[in-house]
Every structure is written in C-alpha cells, then in structure tokens.
Amino acid sequence: MAQSINCTEIEGTSRLYNDLEEICYQGRHMNIVFAVSTPGLILWAFGIPLLGAYLLRRNIRALEEVKFNSDPKIHSNLEARHKMRLGFLTQGYVEDYYYWEVVLLLRKTILVLLLVFMAPVSSGVQSLCAILLLIGSLVLQIVKKPFYDVNLNNLETTSLSVQIAIIYFGLYYQAGKNDSFV
C-alpha cells in the first residue's frame, strides 16, 4: 500500500518509484491512491494498533473496576476471559505496561513507512532515520523496562542495539560504494 504512493521526481515529472511509466496522482494512479492506498494505510498502519490499544485499555479498566467493586470469584472469571481473548498482547509485560505490544507494533509500522518513503531520497537518509527511530526505542526500552523478566528486557535491549549497529555499519559500506550517500 505504501509503495503505491511512493513517488520520485524524474525530469520534472512525479513518477511512481516502482513503476516509472506511471505518472503520480493522475488518472488511474489517483483512483488507486484514494480508493485503496490511503484508506488501507490509515486502517492498517494506525487503525489496528489504535484498536488494539483501545480494546486493551477498555478491558483493563473493566477488570480494575470489577476487582475493587465485586466478589473476587467474579474478578478471577473476568481475568481468565481477558487472558484468553487478549492475553497474547499482554503476556510477558509488567502490569503497568500492558499496552507495550501496541508500542512495538507502532515502532515497526513507522520503521516500514520511513524506509518506504525515504527510498527516493537516499539509502543514507533511510539509514539515519531508522537509526534515530531505533535509538529512541532503545532509550524507551532502557528507561521503562516493560517486560516482567530481566532476561526479556536484556534481550530486547540487545536486539535494538544490534539493529542499530547493523544499520550504522551498513552506512560505512554504502559510503565506500558511493561518496554521495546523503
């Protein structure tokens, strides 16, 4: 979906990055952008994570309300239902960070969108944007420590650090290949 609105300027004409014969935002391309790409990106990239956050928050609030206002048996039944329905999103995280899976999903979505939309600029800019996003994610991971297990926090921190290092050293490879990479 993002690829269909990824255009580049060639000889004064905006053309589709993956199909240079297609002129951007005219005729058939305009129909595809408004009918498929824009609604799809909004729903897929932001709608699904926001819906997940909404459902998690609504269910957590209901659980908290029942916990303080009702019989413990009712609370345990609701908690079991919550774990069956949404436990795959909250399992492994500290109770205060039940929403962290949504944060990870948004990070991945933003990374993909950055890589797609920065492709026409240059691979150096793509890499630098990705590094900035990953450094921000690493700082957030170190400060929040959202996983209940220290090993999971260490694994996520190491994973983000390795991703940053790979992209950073890839910049050296790119710089040696082409002097004007930014």
Protein backbone atom coordinates (compact mmCIF):
# COMPACT_ATOMS: atom_id res chain seq x y z
CA MET A 1 0.00 0.00 0.00
CA ALA A 2 2.76 2.44 0.90
CA GLN A 3 4.60 1.61 -2.30
CA SER A 4 1.68 2.86 -4.38
CA ILE A 5 2.10 6.43 -3.07
CA ASN A 6 5.88 6.41 -3.10
CA CYS A 7 6.74 8.80 -5.94
CA THR A 8 10.00 10.25 -7.20
CA GLU A 9 10.80 13.26 -9.39
CA ILE A 10 12.24 12.38 -12.82
CA GLU A 11 12.86 15.13 -15.39
CA GLY A 12 10.29 17.39 -13.77
CA THR A 13 7.56 14.74 -13.59
CA SER A 14 6.47 12.91 -10.47
CA ARG A 15 6.51 9.18 -11.21
CA LEU A 16 5.76 6.06 -9.21
CA TYR A 17 9.01 4.80 -7.68
CA ASN A 18 8.34 1.12 -8.54
CA ASP A 19 6.80 1.76 -11.98
CA LEU A 20 8.40 4.73 -13.68
CA GLU A 21 5.88 4.62 -16.54
CA GLU A 22 3.08 5.56 -14.12
CA ILE A 23 2.67 9.31 -13.54
CA CYS A 24 1.77 10.04 -9.92
CA TYR A 25 -1.55 11.49 -8.82
CA GLN A 26 -3.14 11.46 -12.26
CA GLY A 27 -5.81 9.21 -13.75
CA ARG A 28 -5.64 5.60 -12.63
CA HIS A 29 -2.99 6.31 -10.01
CA MET A 30 -5.19 8.93 -8.33
CA ASN A 31 -8.07 6.44 -8.16
CA ILE A 32 -5.84 3.79 -6.56
CA VAL A 33 -4.43 6.30 -4.05
CA PHE A 34 -7.86 7.46 -2.87
CA ALA A 35 -9.69 4.12 -3.09
CA VAL A 36 -7.05 1.70 -1.81
CA SER A 37 -3.76 3.15 -0.58
CA THR A 38 -4.81 5.99 1.70
CA PRO A 39 -7.65 4.12 3.48
CA GLY A 40 -5.51 0.98 3.67
CA LEU A 41 -2.56 2.81 5.19
CA ILE A 42 -4.74 4.59 7.71
CA LEU A 43 -6.53 1.40 8.74
CA TRP A 44 -3.52 -0.92 8.65
CA ALA A 45 -0.75 1.33 9.91
CA PHE A 46 -2.61 3.19 12.60
CA GLY A 47 -6.11 1.71 12.90
CA ILE A 48 -5.08 -1.76 14.01
CA PRO A 49 -2.63 -0.58 16.71
CA LEU A 50 -5.09 2.03 17.97
CA LEU A 51 -7.92 -0.50 18.04
CA GLY A 52 -5.67 -2.87 19.98
CA ALA A 53 -4.81 -0.11 22.46
CA TYR A 54 -8.48 0.78 22.85
CA LEU A 55 -9.53 -2.84 23.47
CA LEU A 56 -6.71 -3.39 25.95
CA ARG A 57 -7.48 -0.21 27.86
CA ARG A 58 -11.21 -0.92 27.94
CA ASN A 59 -10.68 -4.45 29.23
CA ILE A 60 -8.05 -3.43 31.79
CA ARG A 61 -10.37 -0.71 33.13
CA ALA A 62 -13.25 -3.19 33.38
CA LEU A 63 -11.00 -5.64 35.23
CA GLU A 64 -9.86 -2.95 37.65
CA GLU A 65 -13.43 -1.81 38.27
CA VAL A 66 -14.59 -5.36 38.99
CA LYS A 67 -11.54 -6.02 41.15
CA PHE A 68 -12.42 -3.24 43.57
CA ASN A 69 -16.23 -3.44 43.44
CA SER A 70 -17.18 -7.10 43.40
CA ASP A 71 -16.66 -10.61 44.55
CA PRO A 72 -13.11 -12.00 43.98
CA LYS A 73 -14.55 -15.01 42.17
CA ILE A 74 -16.20 -12.76 39.55
CA HIS A 75 -12.91 -10.92 39.12
CA SER A 76 -10.95 -14.14 38.57
CA ASN A 77 -13.51 -15.28 35.97
CA LEU A 78 -13.24 -11.98 34.08
CA GLU A 79 -9.47 -12.07 34.34
CA ALA A 80 -9.41 -15.56 32.84
CA ARG A 81 -11.65 -14.41 29.96
CA HIS A 82 -9.37 -11.40 29.38
CA LYS A 83 -6.29 -13.62 29.24
CA MET A 84 -7.98 -15.90 26.73
CA ARG A 85 -9.05 -13.04 24.46
CA LEU A 86 -6.20 -10.53 24.76
CA GLY A 87 -3.54 -12.31 26.79
CA PHE A 88 -1.33 -12.78 23.73
CA LEU A 89 -0.91 -8.97 23.69
CA THR A 90 -0.25 -8.51 27.41
CA GLN A 91 1.59 -11.65 28.40
CA GLY A 92 5.19 -11.09 29.39
CA TYR A 93 4.80 -7.43 30.31
CA VAL A 94 4.73 -5.72 33.68
CA GLU A 95 1.13 -4.89 34.63
CA ASP A 96 1.67 -1.13 34.16
CA TYR A 97 2.90 -1.74 30.58
CA TYR A 98 0.05 -3.94 29.35
CA TYR A 99 -0.04 -1.80 26.18
CA TRP A 100 3.64 -2.33 25.24
CA GLU A 101 2.87 -4.71 22.37
CA VAL A 102 1.00 -1.84 20.70
CA VAL A 103 4.09 0.36 21.14
CA LEU A 104 6.22 -2.31 19.42
CA LEU A 105 3.69 -2.62 16.60
CA LEU A 106 3.71 1.13 16.05
CA ARG A 107 7.52 1.17 16.06
CA LYS A 108 7.63 -1.49 13.36
CA THR A 109 4.97 0.27 11.30
CA ILE A 110 6.76 3.61 11.50
CA LEU A 111 10.04 1.93 10.55
CA VAL A 112 8.48 0.37 7.45
CA LEU A 113 6.86 3.66 6.44
CA LEU A 114 10.15 5.52 6.94
CA LEU A 115 12.03 3.03 4.80
CA VAL A 116 9.43 3.16 2.02
CA PHE A 117 9.04 6.94 1.91
CA MET A 118 12.75 7.71 2.31
CA ALA A 119 13.78 5.37 -0.52
CA PRO A 120 13.56 8.06 -3.21
CA VAL A 121 15.72 10.43 -1.14
CA SER A 122 18.68 8.10 -0.50
CA SER A 123 19.69 4.97 1.36
CA GLY A 124 21.82 7.11 3.69
CA VAL A 125 18.82 9.15 4.80
CA GLN A 126 16.82 5.93 5.15
CA SER A 127 19.51 4.50 7.41
CA LEU A 128 19.83 7.64 9.52
CA CYS A 129 16.06 7.86 10.04
CA ALA A 130 15.95 4.19 11.01
CA ILE A 131 18.84 4.68 13.46
CA LEU A 132 17.08 7.65 15.07
CA LEU A 133 13.87 5.66 15.50
CA LEU A 134 15.74 2.68 16.92
CA ILE A 135 17.79 4.83 19.31
CA GLY A 136 14.56 6.38 20.58
CA SER A 137 13.12 2.88 21.02
CA LEU A 138 16.27 1.74 22.81
CA VAL A 139 16.14 4.66 25.24
CA LEU A 140 12.45 3.97 25.90
CA GLN A 141 13.21 0.28 26.45
CA ILE A 142 16.03 1.03 28.91
CA VAL A 143 14.00 3.59 30.86
CA LYS A 144 10.68 1.70 31.02
CA LYS A 145 11.85 -1.94 31.24
CA PRO A 146 8.37 -3.17 30.25
CA PHE A 147 8.99 -6.93 30.47
CA TYR A 148 8.42 -8.75 33.75
CA ASP A 149 11.58 -10.82 33.24
CA VAL A 150 15.03 -9.20 33.33
CA ASN A 151 16.20 -11.58 30.60
CA LEU A 152 13.43 -10.41 28.25
CA ASN A 153 14.38 -6.77 28.89
CA ASN A 154 18.03 -7.60 28.20
CA LEU A 155 17.09 -9.47 25.04
CA GLU A 156 15.04 -6.55 23.68
CA THR A 157 17.83 -4.09 24.57
CA THR A 158 20.41 -6.28 22.85
CA SER A 159 18.18 -6.75 19.82
CA LEU A 160 17.71 -2.99 19.37
CA SER A 161 21.44 -2.39 19.87
CA VAL A 162 22.33 -4.98 17.22
CA GLN A 163 19.83 -3.46 14.78
CA ILE A 164 21.38 -0.03 15.31
CA ALA A 165 24.90 -1.42 14.83
CA ILE A 166 23.97 -3.28 11.64
CA ILE A 167 22.42 -0.20 10.06
CA TYR A 168 25.28 2.01 11.27
CA PHE A 169 27.96 -0.23 9.80
CA GLY A 170 25.88 -0.58 6.66
CA LEU A 171 26.34 3.18 6.26
CA TYR A 172 30.11 2.60 6.04
CA TYR A 173 29.56 0.02 3.34
CA GLN A 174 27.29 2.43 1.47
CA ALA A 175 29.77 5.33 1.89
CA GLY A 176 32.58 3.29 0.41
CA LYS A 177 30.39 2.35 -2.52
CA ASN A 178 29.15 5.83 -3.33
CA ASP A 179 30.53 9.08 -1.90
CA SER A 180 27.23 11.00 -2.10
CA PHE A 181 25.01 8.76 0.01
CA VAL A 182 23.28 11.54 1.99
